[in-house]
PDB file of N, CA and C in Angstrom:
ATOM      1  N   MET A   1      26.492  23.909  11.322  1.00  0.00           N
ATOM      2  CA  MET A   1      25.124  24.073  10.842  1.00  0.00           C
ATOM      3  C   MET A   1      24.873  23.172   9.630  1.00  0.00           C
ATOM      4  N   MET A   2      25.764  23.204   8.668  1.00  0.00           N
ATOM      5  CA  MET A   2      25.605  22.362   7.474  1.00  0.00           C
ATOM      6  C   MET A   2      25.687  20.883   7.844  1.00  0.00           C
ATOM      7  N   TYR A   3      26.493  20.575   8.841  1.00  0.00           N
ATOM      8  CA  TYR A   3      26.638  19.205   9.320  1.00  0.00           C
ATOM      9  C   TYR A   3      25.298  18.683   9.847  1.00  0.00           C
ATOM     10  N   GLN A   4      24.592  19.491  10.606  1.00  0.00           N
ATOM     11  CA  GLN A   4      23.303  19.092  11.165  1.00  0.00           C
ATOM     12  C   GLN A   4      22.256  18.918  10.071  1.00  0.00           C
ATOM     13  N   ILE A   5      22.253  19.809   9.101  1.00  0.00           N
ATOM     14  CA  ILE A   5      21.293  19.700   7.993  1.00  0.00           C
ATOM     15  C   ILE A   5      21.564  18.428   7.195  1.00  0.00           C
ATOM     16  N   GLY A   6      22.842  18.126   6.985  1.00  0.00           N
ATOM     17  CA  GLY A   6      23.209  16.902   6.274  1.00  0.00           C
ATOM     18  C   GLY A   6      22.748  15.660   7.013  1.00  0.00           C
ATOM     19  N   LEU A   7      22.926  15.634   8.326  1.00  0.00           N
ATOM     20  CA  LEU A   7      22.484  14.485   9.121  1.00  0.00           C
ATOM     21  C   LEU A   7      20.964  14.323   9.075  1.00  0.00           C
ATOM     22  N   ILE A   8      20.249  15.427   9.147  1.00  0.00           N
ATOM     23  CA  ILE A   8      18.789  15.370   9.088  1.00  0.00           C
ATOM     24  C   ILE A   8      18.337  14.840   7.735  1.00  0.00           C
ATOM     25  N   LEU A   9      18.960  15.298   6.660  1.00  0.00           N
ATOM     26  CA  LEU A   9      18.596  14.816   5.327  1.00  0.00           C
ATOM     27  C   LEU A   9      18.888  13.329   5.172  1.00  0.00           C
ATOM     28  N   ILE A  10      19.998  12.872   5.712  1.00  0.00           N
ATOM     29  CA  ILE A  10      20.328  11.445   5.655  1.00  0.00           C
ATOM     30  C   ILE A  10      19.294  10.632   6.421  1.00  0.00           C
ATOM     31  N   LEU A  11      18.892  11.091   7.594  1.00  0.00           N
ATOM     32  CA  LEU A  11      17.876  10.382   8.379  1.00  0.00           C
ATOM     33  C   LEU A  11      16.536  10.342   7.655  1.00  0.00           C
ATOM     34  N   VAL A  12      16.175  11.418   6.981  1.00  0.00           N
ATOM     35  CA  VAL A  12      14.919  11.450   6.234  1.00  0.00           C
ATOM     36  C   VAL A  12      14.956  10.440   5.099  1.00  0.00           C
ATOM     37  N   VAL A  13      16.069  10.373   4.385  1.00  0.00           N
ATOM     38  CA  VAL A  13      16.193   9.422   3.274  1.00  0.00           C
ATOM     39  C   VAL A  13      16.119   7.988   3.794  1.00  0.00           C
ATOM     40  N   ILE A  14      16.788   7.703   4.885  1.00  0.00           N
ATOM     41  CA  ILE A  14      16.742   6.359   5.467  1.00  0.00           C
ATOM     42  C   ILE A  14      15.313   6.011   5.887  1.00  0.00           C
ATOM     43  N   ALA A  15      14.613   6.953   6.489  1.00  0.00           N
ATOM     44  CA  ALA A  15      13.234   6.708   6.910  1.00  0.00           C
ATOM     45  C   ALA A  15      12.330   6.443   5.702  1.00  0.00           C
ATOM     46  N   LEU A  16      12.533   7.162   4.616  1.00  0.00           N
ATOM     47  CA  LEU A  16      11.738   6.935   3.408  1.00  0.00           C
ATOM     48  C   LEU A  16      12.010   5.560   2.809  1.00  0.00           C
ATOM     49  N   ILE A  17      13.259   5.135   2.809  1.00  0.00           N
ATOM     50  CA  ILE A  17      13.603   3.817   2.269  1.00  0.00           C
ATOM     51  C   ILE A  17      12.967   2.722   3.117  1.00  0.00           C
ATOM     52  N   ILE A  18      13.056   2.841   4.429  1.00  0.00           N
ATOM     53  CA  ILE A  18      12.466   1.835   5.320  1.00  0.00           C
ATOM     54  C   ILE A  18      10.949   1.821   5.169  1.00  0.00           C
ATOM     55  N   GLY A  19      10.330   2.988   5.080  1.00  0.00           N
ATOM     56  CA  GLY A  19       8.881   3.055   4.906  1.00  0.00           C
ATOM     57  C   GLY A  19       8.433   2.442   3.605  1.00  0.00           C
ATOM     58  N   LYS A  20       9.211   2.628   2.553  1.00  0.00           N
ATOM     59  CA  LYS A  20       8.861   2.045   1.253  1.00  0.00           C
ATOM     60  C   LYS A  20       8.929   0.526   1.306  1.00  0.00           C
ATOM     61  N   LYS A  21       9.904  -0.024   2.032  1.00  0.00           N
ATOM     62  CA  LYS A  21      10.021  -1.479   2.148  1.00  0.00           C
ATOM     63  C   LYS A  21       8.815  -2.055   2.885  1.00  0.00           C
ATOM     64  N   TYR A  22       8.399  -1.412   3.963  1.00  0.00           N
ATOM     65  CA  TYR A  22       7.257  -1.915   4.721  1.00  0.00           C
ATOM     66  C   TYR A  22       5.964  -1.800   3.915  1.00  0.00           C
ATOM     67  N   ARG A  23       5.823  -0.747   3.142  1.00  0.00           N
ATOM     68  CA  ARG A  23       4.620  -0.568   2.354  1.00  0.00           C
ATOM     69  C   ARG A  23       4.551  -1.600   1.235  1.00  0.00           C
ATOM     70  N   SER A  24       5.679  -1.953   0.638  1.00  0.00           N
ATOM     71  CA  SER A  24       5.680  -2.900  -0.464  1.00  0.00           C
ATOM     72  C   SER A  24       5.428  -4.329   0.007  1.00  0.00           C
ATOM     73  N   THR A  25       5.630  -4.630   1.303  1.00  0.00           N
ATOM     74  CA  THR A  25       5.405  -5.990   1.793  1.00  0.00           C
ATOM     75  C   THR A  25       3.949  -6.227   2.162  1.00  0.00           C
ATOM     76  N   ASP A  26       3.128  -5.178   2.195  1.00  0.00           N
ATOM     77  CA  ASP A  26       1.716  -5.362   2.496  1.00  0.00           C
ATOM     78  C   ASP A  26       1.052  -6.156   1.387  1.00  0.00           C
ATOM     79  N   ASN A  27       0.040  -6.919   1.745  1.00  0.00           N
ATOM     80  CA  ASN A  27      -0.674  -7.723   0.756  1.00  0.00           C
ATOM     81  C   ASN A  27      -1.679  -6.832   0.033  1.00  0.00           C
ATOM     82  N   TYR A  28      -1.472  -6.624  -1.261  1.00  0.00           N
ATOM     83  CA  TYR A  28      -2.329  -5.731  -2.015  1.00  0.00           C
ATOM     84  C   TYR A  28      -3.675  -6.369  -2.339  1.00  0.00           C
ATOM     85  N   SER A  29      -3.831  -7.686  -2.138  1.00  0.00           N
ATOM     86  CA  SER A  29      -5.113  -8.320  -2.407  1.00  0.00           C
ATOM     87  C   SER A  29      -6.138  -7.997  -1.321  1.00  0.00           C
ATOM     88  N   ASP A  30      -5.688  -7.399  -0.214  1.00  0.00           N
ATOM     89  CA  ASP A  30      -6.598  -7.040   0.863  1.00  0.00           C
ATOM     90  C   ASP A  30      -7.229  -5.665   0.665  1.00  0.00           C
ATOM     91  N   GLN A  31      -6.959  -5.024  -0.456  1.00  0.00           N
ATOM     92  CA  GLN A  31      -7.523  -3.708  -0.703  1.00  0.00           C
ATOM     93  C   GLN A  31      -9.019  -3.822  -0.949  1.00  0.00           C
ATOM     94  N   LEU A  32      -9.745  -2.815  -0.524  1.00  0.00           N
ATOM     95  CA  LEU A  32     -11.193  -2.812  -0.668  1.00  0.00           C
ATOM     96  C   LEU A  32     -11.602  -2.343  -2.051  1.00  0.00           C
ATOM     97  N   ILE A  33     -12.596  -3.022  -2.617  1.00  0.00           N
ATOM     98  CA  ILE A  33     -13.165  -2.629  -3.898  1.00  0.00           C
ATOM     99  C   ILE A  33     -14.668  -2.525  -3.695  1.00  0.00           C
ATOM    100  N   PHE A  34     -15.250  -1.432  -4.123  1.00  0.00           N
ATOM    101  CA  PHE A  34     -16.676  -1.220  -3.951  1.00  0.00           C
ATOM    102  C   PHE A  34     -17.461  -1.978  -5.014  1.00  0.00           C
ATOM    103  N   GLU A  35     -18.683  -2.359  -4.676  1.00  0.00           N
ATOM    104  CA  GLU A  35     -19.520  -3.096  -5.620  1.00  0.00           C
ATOM    105  C   GLU A  35     -19.807  -2.283  -6.870  1.00  0.00           C
ATOM    106  N   ASP A  36     -19.877  -0.975  -6.724  1.00  0.00           N
ATOM    107  CA  ASP A  36     -20.161  -0.123  -7.885  1.00  0.00           C
ATOM    108  C   ASP A  36     -19.052  -0.204  -8.929  1.00  0.00           C
ATOM    109  N   ASP A  37     -17.828  -0.539  -8.489  1.00  0.00           N
ATOM    110  CA  ASP A  37     -16.694  -0.609  -9.401  1.00  0.00           C
ATOM    111  C   ASP A  37     -16.550  -1.981 -10.054  1.00  0.00           C
ATOM    112  N   MET A  38     -17.346  -2.945  -9.655  1.00  0.00           N
ATOM    113  CA  MET A  38     -17.249  -4.308 -10.181  1.00  0.00           C
ATOM    114  C   MET A  38     -18.211  -4.505 -11.340  1.00  0.00           C
ATOM    115  N   ASP A  39     -17.805  -5.411 -12.243  1.00  0.00           N
ATOM    116  CA  ASP A  39     -18.735  -5.763 -13.315  1.00  0.00           C
ATOM    117  C   ASP A  39     -19.566  -6.974 -12.879  1.00  0.00           C
ATOM    118  N   ASN A  40     -20.494  -7.398 -13.722  1.00  0.00           N
ATOM    119  CA  ASN A  40     -21.421  -8.472 -13.353  1.00  0.00           C
ATOM    120  C   ASN A  40     -20.709  -9.787 -13.087  1.00  0.00           C
ATOM    121  N   GLU A  41     -19.664 -10.084 -13.843  1.00  0.00           N
ATOM    122  CA  GLU A  41     -18.945 -11.349 -13.645  1.00  0.00           C
ATOM    123  C   GLU A  41     -18.282 -11.401 -12.273  1.00  0.00           C
ATOM    124  N   GLU A  42     -17.694 -10.311 -11.855  1.00  0.00           N
ATOM    125  CA  GLU A  42     -17.056 -10.280 -10.539  1.00  0.00           C
ATOM    126  C   GLU A  42     -18.091 -10.422  -9.423  1.00  0.00           C
ATOM    127  N   LEU A  43     -19.245  -9.796  -9.597  1.00  0.00           N
ATOM    128  CA  LEU A  43     -20.304  -9.909  -8.584  1.00  0.00           C
ATOM    129  C   LEU A  43     -20.825 -11.331  -8.495  1.00  0.00           C
ATOM    130  N   LYS A  44     -20.998 -11.990  -9.640  1.00  0.00           N
ATOM    131  CA  LYS A  44     -21.455 -13.385  -9.624  1.00  0.00           C
ATOM    132  C   LYS A  44     -20.427 -14.296  -8.964  1.00  0.00           C
ATOM    133  N   LYS A  45     -19.147 -14.052  -9.236  1.00  0.00           N
ATOM    134  CA  LYS A  45     -18.096 -14.856  -8.626  1.00  0.00           C
ATOM    135  C   LYS A  45     -18.099 -14.694  -7.109  1.00  0.00           C
ATOM    136  N   LEU A  46     -18.282 -13.467  -6.631  1.00  0.00           N
ATOM    137  CA  LEU A  46     -18.364 -13.244  -5.185  1.00  0.00           C
ATOM    138  C   LEU A  46     -19.573 -13.936  -4.571  1.00  0.00           C
ATOM    139  N   ASP A  47     -20.699 -13.878  -5.263  1.00  0.00           N
ATOM    140  CA  ASP A  47     -21.894 -14.555  -4.761  1.00  0.00           C
ATOM    141  C   ASP A  47     -21.670 -16.056  -4.659  1.00  0.00           C
ATOM    142  N   GLU A  48     -20.982 -16.652  -5.643  1.00  0.00           N
ATOM    143  CA  GLU A  48     -20.711 -18.086  -5.595  1.00  0.00           C
ATOM    144  C   GLU A  48     -19.761 -18.430  -4.463  1.00  0.00           C
ATOM    145  N   GLU A  49     -18.776 -17.577  -4.201  1.00  0.00           N
ATOM    146  CA  GLU A  49     -17.835 -17.840  -3.116  1.00  0.00           C
ATOM    147  C   GLU A  49     -18.517 -17.755  -1.759  1.00  0.00           C
ATOM    148  N   ILE A  50     -19.477 -16.862  -1.619  1.00  0.00           N
ATOM    149  CA  ILE A  50     -20.169 -16.698  -0.340  1.00  0.00           C
ATOM    150  C   ILE A  50     -21.093 -17.890  -0.070  1.00  0.00           C
ATOM    151  N   ASP A  51     -21.761 -18.361  -1.105  1.00  0.00           N
ATOM    152  CA  ASP A  51     -22.699 -19.491  -0.933  1.00  0.00           C
ATOM    153  C   ASP A  51     -22.014 -20.791  -0.860  1.00  0.00           C
TER     154      ASP A  51
END
């Protein structure tokens, strides 16, 4: 019984480590930011990039 619980805990830890690696490789610059959270300079910069 203790052997099975130990194996399950080891698998959970391995899964958490692998999940953390995949999450850290995502590009954080792709996160969404709402216009309400931006200041005027950021909005002007976005307008210039679009035009």
